[in-house]
Amino acid sequence: MAAEYIKLYEENPEIDKINRIVNVLKSGGVIIYPTDTVYGIGCDFSNVKAVQKVCQIKNTKPQSLSFICYDLSEISEYTKGLSTPVFKVMKKSLPGPFTFILNATSKVPRVLNAKKKTVGIRVPDNNIPRELVKSLGNPIITTSIHDEDEILEYSTDPELIFEKYQNLVDVVIDGGYGGNVPSTVVDCSGDDINVIREGLGDIDAFL
């Protein structure tokens, strides 16, 4: 069955549509959604079968996936050992186009950190995924939608994304054109703050 195509506006996502998508997530569905960088594909991070389906679609392993939290207070449930300097940087830079690699607590599902003790966490500056997380009550998986195009690395047009993935996922959210520059990945699992992938965000502006 083809995926449902749902139009949402970032400024004011309609709560009935948010709840509809959350019901799909709760039943183990996989969705495609906008962020403040590129379009992402994901699911309820606590649903093992859904996580495995995301990995199958992306041809990747669970340990490479990150997840989206609503805010800093939710991040604190899933991470530990945050130093004061790192906390201050995160407070200033989030919501924003960053993925922070942090030390994971036991609340992170084993499927995501079975072989490592860190996890990538995002709080994107986009109300659509954040409202989904808020209504769901726990994080959702995030991993980027890639494109085979030689010029554009990431798919930006939600209608074209739907054409490509409509038989692989359960919902495609049209939140307008996406970007084609991913988040900046910042490793804060040790004593220092290290950028391991340059992306849209400039962490130096918050140091």
N, C-alpha and C. Protein backbone atom coordinates (compact mmCIF):
# COMPACT_ATOMS: atom_id res chain seq x y z
N MET A 1 0.84 -1.20 0.00
CA MET A 1 0.00 0.00 0.00
C MET A 1 0.87 1.25 0.00
N ALA A 2 0.51 2.22 -0.81
CA ALA A 2 1.31 3.44 -0.92
C ALA A 2 1.23 4.25 0.37
N ALA A 3 2.29 4.98 0.61
CA ALA A 3 2.36 5.83 1.80
C ALA A 3 1.32 6.95 1.74
N GLU A 4 0.97 7.45 2.90
CA GLU A 4 0.09 8.62 2.98
C GLU A 4 0.96 9.87 2.80
N TYR A 5 0.48 10.81 2.02
CA TYR A 5 1.21 12.05 1.75
C TYR A 5 0.51 13.17 2.53
N ILE A 6 1.20 13.75 3.50
CA ILE A 6 0.58 14.72 4.40
C ILE A 6 1.33 16.05 4.34
N LYS A 7 0.60 17.11 4.04
CA LYS A 7 1.19 18.45 3.99
C LYS A 7 1.10 19.09 5.37
N LEU A 8 2.24 19.60 5.87
CA LEU A 8 2.28 20.31 7.15
C LEU A 8 3.07 21.60 7.00
N TYR A 9 2.67 22.59 7.77
CA TYR A 9 3.39 23.87 7.76
C TYR A 9 4.17 24.02 9.05
N GLU A 10 5.47 24.31 8.90
CA GLU A 10 6.36 24.36 10.06
C GLU A 10 5.90 25.36 11.11
N GLU A 11 5.37 26.52 10.66
CA GLU A 11 5.00 27.58 11.60
C GLU A 11 3.90 27.13 12.55
N ASN A 12 2.99 26.29 12.07
CA ASN A 12 1.86 25.88 12.90
C ASN A 12 1.34 24.51 12.44
N PRO A 13 2.07 23.44 12.77
CA PRO A 13 1.64 22.10 12.34
C PRO A 13 0.27 21.75 12.93
N GLU A 14 -0.64 21.30 12.07
CA GLU A 14 -2.00 20.98 12.52
C GLU A 14 -1.99 19.77 13.45
N ILE A 15 -2.57 19.95 14.63
CA ILE A 15 -2.49 18.92 15.67
C ILE A 15 -3.17 17.63 15.26
N ASP A 16 -4.26 17.70 14.47
CA ASP A 16 -4.93 16.47 14.06
C ASP A 16 -4.04 15.64 13.13
N LYS A 17 -3.30 16.34 12.26
CA LYS A 17 -2.37 15.63 11.37
C LYS A 17 -1.18 15.08 12.16
N ILE A 18 -0.68 15.85 13.12
CA ILE A 18 0.41 15.38 14.00
C ILE A 18 -0.03 14.11 14.71
N ASN A 19 -1.23 14.11 15.27
CA ASN A 19 -1.72 12.93 15.99
C ASN A 19 -1.89 11.73 15.06
N ARG A 20 -2.30 11.99 13.83
CA ARG A 20 -2.46 10.90 12.85
C ARG A 20 -1.10 10.24 12.58
N ILE A 21 -0.08 11.08 12.43
CA ILE A 21 1.27 10.56 12.15
C ILE A 21 1.81 9.84 13.38
N VAL A 22 1.55 10.37 14.56
CA VAL A 22 2.00 9.73 15.80
C VAL A 22 1.37 8.35 15.95
N ASN A 23 0.12 8.20 15.57
CA ASN A 23 -0.53 6.88 15.62
C ASN A 23 0.18 5.89 14.69
N VAL A 24 0.64 6.39 13.54
CA VAL A 24 1.41 5.54 12.62
C VAL A 24 2.72 5.13 13.27
N LEU A 25 3.40 6.08 13.92
CA LEU A 25 4.66 5.78 14.60
C LEU A 25 4.44 4.75 15.72
N LYS A 26 3.38 4.93 16.49
CA LYS A 26 3.10 4.02 17.61
C LYS A 26 2.80 2.60 17.12
N SER A 27 2.29 2.49 15.90
CA SER A 27 1.98 1.16 15.36
C SER A 27 3.15 0.56 14.59
N GLY A 28 4.34 1.20 14.71
CA GLY A 28 5.54 0.64 14.08
C GLY A 28 5.80 1.15 12.67
N GLY A 29 5.15 2.25 12.29
CA GLY A 29 5.33 2.79 10.96
C GLY A 29 6.63 3.57 10.78
N VAL A 30 7.03 3.71 9.53
CA VAL A 30 8.22 4.48 9.16
C VAL A 30 7.76 5.72 8.40
N ILE A 31 8.34 6.87 8.74
CA ILE A 31 7.93 8.13 8.13
C ILE A 31 9.11 8.87 7.53
N ILE A 32 8.82 9.76 6.60
CA ILE A 32 9.81 10.70 6.06
C ILE A 32 9.33 12.10 6.41
N TYR A 33 10.23 12.93 6.90
CA TYR A 33 9.82 14.22 7.45
C TYR A 33 10.91 15.27 7.23
N PRO A 34 10.53 16.55 7.27
CA PRO A 34 11.52 17.61 7.11
C PRO A 34 12.24 17.89 8.43
N THR A 35 13.45 18.42 8.35
CA THR A 35 14.16 18.94 9.51
C THR A 35 14.62 20.35 9.15
N ASP A 36 15.53 20.90 9.93
CA ASP A 36 16.09 22.21 9.59
C ASP A 36 17.25 22.09 8.61
N THR A 37 17.57 20.85 8.22
CA THR A 37 18.64 20.63 7.23
C THR A 37 18.04 19.84 6.07
N VAL A 38 18.28 18.54 6.03
CA VAL A 38 17.78 17.71 4.94
C VAL A 38 16.57 16.90 5.43
N TYR A 39 15.84 16.30 4.48
CA TYR A 39 14.74 15.43 4.87
C TYR A 39 15.29 14.17 5.54
N GLY A 40 14.55 13.69 6.53
CA GLY A 40 14.97 12.51 7.26
C GLY A 40 13.96 11.39 7.15
N ILE A 41 14.43 10.18 7.42
CA ILE A 41 13.57 9.02 7.48
C ILE A 41 13.73 8.43 8.87
N GLY A 42 12.60 8.03 9.48
CA GLY A 42 12.71 7.54 10.85
C GLY A 42 11.46 6.86 11.35
N CYS A 43 11.47 6.57 12.66
CA CYS A 43 10.40 5.82 13.31
C CYS A 43 10.50 6.07 14.81
N ASP A 44 9.60 5.47 15.56
CA ASP A 44 9.68 5.47 17.02
C ASP A 44 10.97 4.75 17.41
N PHE A 45 11.84 5.42 18.18
CA PHE A 45 13.15 4.81 18.44
C PHE A 45 13.08 3.59 19.35
N SER A 46 11.93 3.36 19.99
CA SER A 46 11.80 2.22 20.89
C SER A 46 11.21 0.98 20.20
N ASN A 47 10.85 1.12 18.92
CA ASN A 47 10.26 0.00 18.19
C ASN A 47 11.34 -0.70 17.37
N VAL A 48 11.78 -1.85 17.85
CA VAL A 48 12.92 -2.56 17.25
C VAL A 48 12.65 -2.91 15.78
N LYS A 49 11.46 -3.43 15.48
CA LYS A 49 11.16 -3.83 14.11
C LYS A 49 11.17 -2.63 13.17
N ALA A 50 10.63 -1.49 13.66
CA ALA A 50 10.62 -0.28 12.83
C ALA A 50 12.04 0.22 12.60
N VAL A 51 12.88 0.17 13.63
CA VAL A 51 14.28 0.58 13.48
C VAL A 51 14.98 -0.30 12.44
N GLN A 52 14.72 -1.58 12.51
CA GLN A 52 15.32 -2.51 11.54
C GLN A 52 14.84 -2.22 10.12
N LYS A 53 13.57 -1.81 9.99
CA LYS A 53 13.04 -1.47 8.67
C LYS A 53 13.74 -0.23 8.12
N VAL A 54 13.94 0.78 8.97
CA VAL A 54 14.68 1.98 8.55
C VAL A 54 16.07 1.60 8.07
N CYS A 55 16.74 0.73 8.82
CA CYS A 55 18.08 0.29 8.44
C CYS A 55 18.08 -0.44 7.11
N GLN A 56 17.04 -1.23 6.87
CA GLN A 56 16.93 -1.97 5.61
C GLN A 56 16.76 -1.00 4.44
N ILE A 57 15.92 0.01 4.63
CA ILE A 57 15.68 1.00 3.57
C ILE A 57 16.95 1.79 3.27
N LYS A 58 17.68 2.17 4.33
CA LYS A 58 18.88 2.98 4.18
C LYS A 58 20.16 2.16 3.94
N ASN A 59 20.03 0.83 4.12
CA ASN A 59 21.20 -0.06 4.02
C ASN A 59 22.29 0.37 5.00
N THR A 60 21.88 0.48 6.26
CA THR A 60 22.81 0.89 7.30
C THR A 60 22.56 0.08 8.56
N LYS A 61 23.36 0.29 9.60
CA LYS A 61 23.22 -0.43 10.87
C LYS A 61 22.58 0.47 11.92
N PRO A 62 21.86 -0.12 12.89
CA PRO A 62 21.20 0.69 13.92
C PRO A 62 22.15 1.62 14.67
N GLN A 63 23.39 1.18 14.87
CA GLN A 63 24.33 1.98 15.63
C GLN A 63 24.73 3.28 14.94
N SER A 64 24.43 3.39 13.63
CA SER A 64 24.78 4.61 12.90
C SER A 64 23.66 5.65 12.95
N LEU A 65 22.51 5.27 13.52
CA LEU A 65 21.36 6.16 13.55
C LEU A 65 21.43 7.16 14.70
N SER A 66 20.86 8.33 14.50
CA SER A 66 20.71 9.32 15.56
C SER A 66 19.23 9.44 15.87
N PHE A 67 18.91 10.23 16.91
CA PHE A 67 17.50 10.45 17.17
C PHE A 67 17.21 11.88 17.58
N ILE A 68 15.95 12.26 17.41
CA ILE A 68 15.51 13.62 17.66
C ILE A 68 14.82 13.72 19.01
N CYS A 69 15.26 14.69 19.82
CA CYS A 69 14.59 15.01 21.07
C CYS A 69 13.84 16.33 20.91
N TYR A 70 12.91 16.57 21.84
CA TYR A 70 12.14 17.82 21.79
C TYR A 70 12.96 19.00 22.28
N ASP A 71 13.73 18.80 23.37
CA ASP A 71 14.50 19.90 23.94
C ASP A 71 15.64 19.35 24.81
N LEU A 72 16.35 20.25 25.48
CA LEU A 72 17.49 19.86 26.31
C LEU A 72 17.09 18.97 27.48
N SER A 73 15.94 19.23 28.08
CA SER A 73 15.53 18.43 29.23
C SER A 73 15.30 16.98 28.83
N GLU A 74 14.79 16.77 27.63
CA GLU A 74 14.60 15.39 27.16
C GLU A 74 15.94 14.74 26.86
N ILE A 75 16.88 15.52 26.33
CA ILE A 75 18.22 14.99 26.06
C ILE A 75 18.84 14.43 27.33
N SER A 76 18.62 15.11 28.46
CA SER A 76 19.25 14.69 29.72
C SER A 76 18.78 13.31 30.18
N GLU A 77 17.62 12.85 29.68
CA GLU A 77 17.15 11.51 30.03
C GLU A 77 18.00 10.43 29.39
N TYR A 78 18.57 10.73 28.25
CA TYR A 78 19.24 9.70 27.45
C TYR A 78 20.76 9.84 27.41
N THR A 79 21.29 10.87 28.06
CA THR A 79 22.74 11.08 28.04
C THR A 79 23.25 11.31 29.46
N LYS A 80 24.56 11.11 29.60
CA LYS A 80 25.18 11.31 30.92
C LYS A 80 26.57 11.92 30.75
N GLY A 81 27.08 12.44 31.83
CA GLY A 81 28.44 12.96 31.83
C GLY A 81 28.61 14.26 31.08
N LEU A 82 27.52 15.03 30.93
CA LEU A 82 27.62 16.31 30.22
C LEU A 82 28.41 17.30 31.07
N SER A 83 29.50 17.80 30.53
CA SER A 83 30.26 18.82 31.26
C SER A 83 29.55 20.16 31.14
N THR A 84 29.88 21.06 32.05
CA THR A 84 29.26 22.39 32.02
C THR A 84 29.53 23.12 30.70
N PRO A 85 30.78 23.11 30.17
CA PRO A 85 31.02 23.78 28.88
C PRO A 85 30.18 23.20 27.74
N VAL A 86 30.04 21.87 27.69
CA VAL A 86 29.25 21.24 26.63
C VAL A 86 27.78 21.62 26.79
N PHE A 87 27.28 21.59 28.02
CA PHE A 87 25.89 21.96 28.26
C PHE A 87 25.61 23.39 27.80
N LYS A 88 26.54 24.28 28.09
CA LYS A 88 26.36 25.69 27.70
C LYS A 88 26.33 25.84 26.18
N VAL A 89 27.19 25.10 25.49
CA VAL A 89 27.22 25.14 24.02
C VAL A 89 25.91 24.62 23.46
N MET A 90 25.42 23.52 24.01
CA MET A 90 24.18 22.94 23.52
C MET A 90 22.99 23.86 23.80
N LYS A 91 23.01 24.49 24.96
CA LYS A 91 21.91 25.40 25.32
C LYS A 91 21.84 26.58 24.35
N LYS A 92 23.02 27.05 23.92
CA LYS A 92 23.06 28.19 23.01
C LYS A 92 22.76 27.80 21.56
N SER A 93 23.12 26.58 21.19
CA SER A 93 23.05 26.19 19.77
C SER A 93 21.79 25.41 19.39
N LEU A 94 21.02 24.98 20.38
CA LEU A 94 19.82 24.18 20.09
C LEU A 94 18.55 24.94 20.45
N PRO A 95 17.47 24.78 19.67
CA PRO A 95 17.37 23.98 18.45
C PRO A 95 18.27 24.53 17.34
N GLY A 96 18.84 23.64 16.55
CA GLY A 96 19.72 24.07 15.49
C GLY A 96 20.26 22.90 14.68
N PRO A 97 21.04 23.20 13.63
CA PRO A 97 21.49 22.18 12.67
C PRO A 97 22.72 21.41 13.13
N PHE A 98 22.61 20.80 14.32
CA PHE A 98 23.73 20.06 14.88
C PHE A 98 23.30 18.67 15.33
N THR A 99 24.22 17.71 15.19
CA THR A 99 24.06 16.39 15.80
C THR A 99 25.16 16.27 16.84
N PHE A 100 24.78 16.10 18.11
CA PHE A 100 25.76 15.96 19.18
C PHE A 100 25.95 14.49 19.53
N ILE A 101 27.21 14.04 19.50
CA ILE A 101 27.55 12.68 19.92
C ILE A 101 27.82 12.73 21.41
N LEU A 102 26.99 12.02 22.18
CA LEU A 102 27.06 12.08 23.64
C LEU A 102 27.07 10.68 24.23
N ASN A 103 27.49 10.59 25.49
CA ASN A 103 27.49 9.30 26.20
C ASN A 103 26.06 8.91 26.55
N ALA A 104 25.70 7.67 26.22
CA ALA A 104 24.31 7.22 26.36
C ALA A 104 24.03 6.62 27.73
N THR A 105 22.79 6.82 28.21
CA THR A 105 22.33 6.15 29.42
C THR A 105 21.62 4.86 29.03
N SER A 106 21.19 4.12 30.03
CA SER A 106 20.51 2.83 29.78
C SER A 106 19.12 3.03 29.18
N LYS A 107 18.62 4.28 29.14
CA LYS A 107 17.30 4.54 28.54
C LYS A 107 17.34 4.51 27.02
N VAL A 108 18.54 4.60 26.44
CA VAL A 108 18.65 4.48 24.98
C VAL A 108 18.46 3.01 24.62
N PRO A 109 17.54 2.69 23.73
CA PRO A 109 17.29 1.29 23.37
C PRO A 109 18.56 0.57 22.94
N ARG A 110 18.69 -0.67 23.36
CA ARG A 110 19.91 -1.45 23.08
C ARG A 110 20.17 -1.57 21.59
N VAL A 111 19.12 -1.59 20.79
CA VAL A 111 19.31 -1.73 19.34
C VAL A 111 20.14 -0.58 18.79
N LEU A 112 20.13 0.58 19.45
CA LEU A 112 20.86 1.73 18.96
C LEU A 112 22.29 1.82 19.48
N ASN A 113 22.56 1.24 20.65
CA ASN A 113 23.91 1.40 21.19
C ASN A 113 24.45 0.10 21.79
N ALA A 114 24.10 -1.03 21.16
CA ALA A 114 24.52 -2.33 21.67
C ALA A 114 26.04 -2.48 21.66
N LYS A 115 26.70 -1.89 20.67
CA LYS A 115 28.15 -2.08 20.54
C LYS A 115 28.95 -0.82 20.84
N LYS A 116 28.26 0.22 21.24
CA LYS A 116 28.98 1.44 21.60
C LYS A 116 28.21 2.17 22.70
N LYS A 117 28.89 3.06 23.37
CA LYS A 117 28.27 3.71 24.53
C LYS A 117 27.88 5.15 24.26
N THR A 118 27.90 5.52 22.98
CA THR A 118 27.53 6.89 22.63
C THR A 118 26.32 6.88 21.69
N VAL A 119 25.71 8.03 21.54
CA VAL A 119 24.55 8.15 20.66
C VAL A 119 24.51 9.56 20.08
N GLY A 120 24.02 9.67 18.85
CA GLY A 120 23.88 10.98 18.22
C GLY A 120 22.49 11.54 18.49
N ILE A 121 22.43 12.79 18.93
CA ILE A 121 21.15 13.40 19.29
C ILE A 121 20.97 14.74 18.59
N ARG A 122 19.74 14.98 18.10
CA ARG A 122 19.41 16.23 17.42
C ARG A 122 18.20 16.90 18.07
N VAL A 123 18.20 18.23 18.07
CA VAL A 123 17.00 19.03 18.35
C VAL A 123 16.91 20.02 17.19
N PRO A 124 16.27 19.62 16.08
CA PRO A 124 16.27 20.48 14.89
C PRO A 124 15.42 21.72 15.09
N ASP A 125 15.79 22.77 14.41
CA ASP A 125 15.03 24.01 14.46
C ASP A 125 13.90 23.94 13.44
N ASN A 126 12.99 22.99 13.68
CA ASN A 126 11.83 22.78 12.82
C ASN A 126 10.73 22.20 13.71
N ASN A 127 9.58 22.86 13.72
CA ASN A 127 8.51 22.47 14.63
C ASN A 127 7.86 21.14 14.27
N ILE A 128 7.97 20.70 13.03
CA ILE A 128 7.28 19.47 12.63
C ILE A 128 7.84 18.25 13.35
N PRO A 129 9.15 17.93 13.24
CA PRO A 129 9.65 16.77 13.96
C PRO A 129 9.60 16.94 15.48
N ARG A 130 9.77 18.17 15.96
CA ARG A 130 9.72 18.38 17.41
C ARG A 130 8.32 18.15 17.96
N GLU A 131 7.30 18.58 17.24
CA GLU A 131 5.93 18.35 17.70
C GLU A 131 5.58 16.86 17.63
N LEU A 132 6.13 16.15 16.65
CA LEU A 132 5.92 14.70 16.58
C LEU A 132 6.51 14.02 17.81
N VAL A 133 7.73 14.40 18.16
CA VAL A 133 8.40 13.84 19.34
C VAL A 133 7.61 14.16 20.61
N LYS A 134 7.17 15.41 20.71
CA LYS A 134 6.41 15.85 21.89
C LYS A 134 5.13 15.04 22.06
N SER A 135 4.40 14.85 20.96
CA SER A 135 3.14 14.10 21.02
C SER A 135 3.37 12.60 21.22
N LEU A 136 4.45 12.08 20.64
CA LEU A 136 4.76 10.66 20.77
C LEU A 136 5.18 10.32 22.19
N GLY A 137 5.92 11.22 22.84
CA GLY A 137 6.36 10.98 24.21
C GLY A 137 7.75 10.41 24.32
N ASN A 138 8.40 10.19 23.21
CA ASN A 138 9.80 9.75 23.21
C ASN A 138 10.42 10.07 21.85
N PRO A 139 11.75 9.98 21.74
CA PRO A 139 12.42 10.40 20.49
C PRO A 139 12.03 9.57 19.26
N ILE A 140 12.30 10.17 18.10
CA ILE A 140 12.18 9.43 16.84
C ILE A 140 13.56 9.34 16.19
N ILE A 141 13.74 8.26 15.46
CA ILE A 141 14.99 8.04 14.72
C ILE A 141 15.14 9.09 13.63
N THR A 142 16.37 9.50 13.37
CA THR A 142 16.62 10.37 12.22
C THR A 142 17.86 9.91 11.47
N THR A 143 17.69 9.76 10.17
CA THR A 143 18.81 9.51 9.27
C THR A 143 18.44 10.12 7.92
N SER A 144 19.41 10.68 7.24
CA SER A 144 19.15 11.51 6.07
C SER A 144 18.68 10.72 4.85
N ILE A 145 17.81 11.37 4.07
CA ILE A 145 17.40 10.83 2.77
C ILE A 145 18.45 11.24 1.74
N HIS A 146 19.12 10.26 1.15
CA HIS A 146 20.14 10.55 0.14
C HIS A 146 19.56 10.43 -1.26
N ASP A 147 20.25 11.06 -2.18
CA ASP A 147 19.83 11.04 -3.59
C ASP A 147 20.96 10.46 -4.42
N GLU A 148 20.59 9.73 -5.48
CA GLU A 148 21.62 9.18 -6.37
C GLU A 148 22.14 10.19 -7.38
N ASP A 149 21.54 11.38 -7.37
CA ASP A 149 21.94 12.44 -8.31
C ASP A 149 23.41 12.80 -8.09
N GLU A 150 24.13 13.03 -9.18
CA GLU A 150 25.56 13.34 -9.08
C GLU A 150 25.82 14.75 -8.56
N ILE A 151 24.83 15.63 -8.69
CA ILE A 151 25.02 17.01 -8.25
C ILE A 151 24.44 17.22 -6.85
N LEU A 152 23.18 16.82 -6.67
CA LEU A 152 22.54 16.97 -5.37
C LEU A 152 22.71 15.69 -4.56
N GLU A 153 23.38 15.80 -3.40
CA GLU A 153 23.59 14.61 -2.57
C GLU A 153 22.32 14.22 -1.82
N TYR A 154 21.47 15.21 -1.52
CA TYR A 154 20.27 14.95 -0.73
C TYR A 154 19.01 15.34 -1.51
N SER A 155 17.96 14.54 -1.33
CA SER A 155 16.68 14.83 -1.98
C SER A 155 16.02 16.01 -1.28
N THR A 156 15.54 16.98 -2.05
CA THR A 156 14.98 18.20 -1.47
C THR A 156 13.50 18.40 -1.77
N ASP A 157 12.98 17.79 -2.83
CA ASP A 157 11.60 17.98 -3.25
C ASP A 157 10.72 16.87 -2.65
N PRO A 158 9.78 17.23 -1.74
CA PRO A 158 8.97 16.19 -1.08
C PRO A 158 8.13 15.37 -2.05
N GLU A 159 7.70 15.96 -3.17
CA GLU A 159 6.91 15.19 -4.13
C GLU A 159 7.76 14.11 -4.80
N LEU A 160 9.01 14.46 -5.12
CA LEU A 160 9.91 13.46 -5.71
C LEU A 160 10.31 12.40 -4.68
N ILE A 161 10.45 12.83 -3.42
CA ILE A 161 10.74 11.88 -2.35
C ILE A 161 9.59 10.88 -2.23
N PHE A 162 8.35 11.38 -2.32
CA PHE A 162 7.18 10.52 -2.23
C PHE A 162 7.18 9.50 -3.37
N GLU A 163 7.48 9.97 -4.58
CA GLU A 163 7.52 9.06 -5.74
C GLU A 163 8.50 7.92 -5.52
N LYS A 164 9.61 8.25 -4.91
CA LYS A 164 10.68 7.26 -4.73
C LYS A 164 10.40 6.30 -3.57
N TYR A 165 9.82 6.82 -2.49
CA TYR A 165 9.70 6.02 -1.26
C TYR A 165 8.28 5.61 -0.91
N GLN A 166 7.30 5.91 -1.77
CA GLN A 166 5.90 5.68 -1.39
C GLN A 166 5.57 4.23 -1.09
N ASN A 167 6.32 3.29 -1.65
CA ASN A 167 6.05 1.88 -1.38
C ASN A 167 6.99 1.29 -0.32
N LEU A 168 7.81 2.15 0.27
CA LEU A 168 8.76 1.69 1.29
C LEU A 168 8.43 2.18 2.69
N VAL A 169 7.72 3.32 2.78
CA VAL A 169 7.40 3.91 4.08
C VAL A 169 5.88 4.06 4.22
N ASP A 170 5.45 4.53 5.38
CA ASP A 170 4.01 4.64 5.67
C ASP A 170 3.48 6.06 5.51
N VAL A 171 4.31 7.06 5.77
CA VAL A 171 3.91 8.46 5.65
C VAL A 171 5.07 9.26 5.08
N VAL A 172 4.77 10.15 4.14
CA VAL A 172 5.73 11.16 3.69
C VAL A 172 5.12 12.52 4.03
N ILE A 173 5.84 13.29 4.84
CA ILE A 173 5.38 14.62 5.23
C ILE A 173 5.97 15.66 4.29
N ASP A 174 5.10 16.44 3.69
CA ASP A 174 5.53 17.55 2.85
C ASP A 174 5.59 18.80 3.72
N GLY A 175 6.80 19.20 4.05
CA GLY A 175 7.00 20.41 4.85
C GLY A 175 7.68 21.49 4.04
N GLY A 176 7.53 21.41 2.70
CA GLY A 176 8.21 22.35 1.82
C GLY A 176 9.55 21.79 1.37
N TYR A 177 10.21 22.52 0.50
CA TYR A 177 11.53 22.07 0.02
C TYR A 177 12.52 21.97 1.17
N GLY A 178 13.30 20.90 1.16
CA GLY A 178 14.33 20.71 2.17
C GLY A 178 15.66 21.27 1.70
N GLY A 179 16.61 21.29 2.61
CA GLY A 179 17.96 21.72 2.25
C GLY A 179 18.75 20.55 1.69
N ASN A 180 19.98 20.81 1.24
CA ASN A 180 20.83 19.71 0.80
C ASN A 180 22.20 19.76 1.47
N VAL A 181 22.23 20.41 2.65
CA VAL A 181 23.44 20.40 3.49
C VAL A 181 23.04 19.77 4.83
N PRO A 182 23.72 18.70 5.25
CA PRO A 182 23.33 18.01 6.49
C PRO A 182 23.75 18.77 7.74
N SER A 183 23.41 18.20 8.87
CA SER A 183 23.80 18.82 10.15
C SER A 183 25.30 18.69 10.38
N THR A 184 25.84 19.59 11.17
CA THR A 184 27.22 19.48 11.64
C THR A 184 27.25 18.48 12.79
N VAL A 185 28.16 17.52 12.72
CA VAL A 185 28.26 16.50 13.77
C VAL A 185 29.39 16.88 14.73
N VAL A 186 29.02 16.98 16.01
CA VAL A 186 29.96 17.43 17.03
C VAL A 186 30.10 16.34 18.09
N ASP A 187 31.31 15.82 18.27
CA ASP A 187 31.56 14.77 19.26
C ASP A 187 31.88 15.41 20.61
N CYS A 188 30.98 15.20 21.56
CA CYS A 188 31.16 15.74 22.91
C CYS A 188 31.21 14.61 23.93
N SER A 189 31.60 13.42 23.50
CA SER A 189 31.62 12.26 24.39
C SER A 189 32.87 12.21 25.25
N GLY A 190 33.89 12.99 24.87
CA GLY A 190 35.12 13.03 25.65
C GLY A 190 35.27 14.36 26.37
N ASP A 191 36.50 14.73 26.63
CA ASP A 191 36.76 15.98 27.35
C ASP A 191 36.67 17.20 26.45
N ASP A 192 36.86 17.00 25.15
CA ASP A 192 36.88 18.13 24.22
C ASP A 192 35.66 18.12 23.31
N ILE A 193 35.43 19.26 22.66
CA ILE A 193 34.37 19.40 21.67
C ILE A 193 35.01 19.31 20.29
N ASN A 194 34.71 18.22 19.55
CA ASN A 194 35.37 17.99 18.26
C ASN A 194 34.34 17.88 17.14
N VAL A 195 34.54 18.68 16.10
CA VAL A 195 33.68 18.59 14.92
C VAL A 195 34.16 17.43 14.06
N ILE A 196 33.29 16.45 13.82
CA ILE A 196 33.70 15.30 13.00
C ILE A 196 33.05 15.30 11.62
N ARG A 197 32.08 16.22 11.42
CA ARG A 197 31.57 16.47 10.07
C ARG A 197 31.09 17.91 9.98
N GLU A 198 31.66 18.64 9.04
CA GLU A 198 31.23 20.01 8.80
C GLU A 198 29.92 19.98 8.03
N GLY A 199 28.91 20.68 8.57
CA GLY A 199 27.63 20.74 7.90
C GLY A 199 27.09 22.15 7.93
N LEU A 200 25.78 22.27 8.06
CA LEU A 200 25.15 23.58 8.03
C LEU A 200 25.49 24.45 9.23
N GLY A 201 25.61 23.83 10.39
CA GLY A 201 25.84 24.59 11.62
C GLY A 201 27.31 24.95 11.84
N ASP A 202 27.54 26.15 12.39
CA ASP A 202 28.89 26.61 12.74
C ASP A 202 29.01 26.61 14.26
N ILE A 203 29.58 25.54 14.80
CA ILE A 203 29.66 25.41 16.27
C ILE A 203 30.57 26.46 16.88
N ASP A 204 31.54 26.96 16.10
CA ASP A 204 32.47 27.97 16.63
C ASP A 204 31.73 29.23 17.10
N ALA A 205 30.58 29.48 16.51
CA ALA A 205 29.79 30.66 16.89
C ALA A 205 29.24 30.55 18.31
N PHE A 206 29.26 29.32 18.88
CA PHE A 206 28.67 29.11 20.20
C PHE A 206 29.70 28.73 21.26
N LEU A 207 30.96 28.67 20.86
CA LEU A 207 32.03 28.30 21.82
C LEU A 207 32.47 29.51 22.64
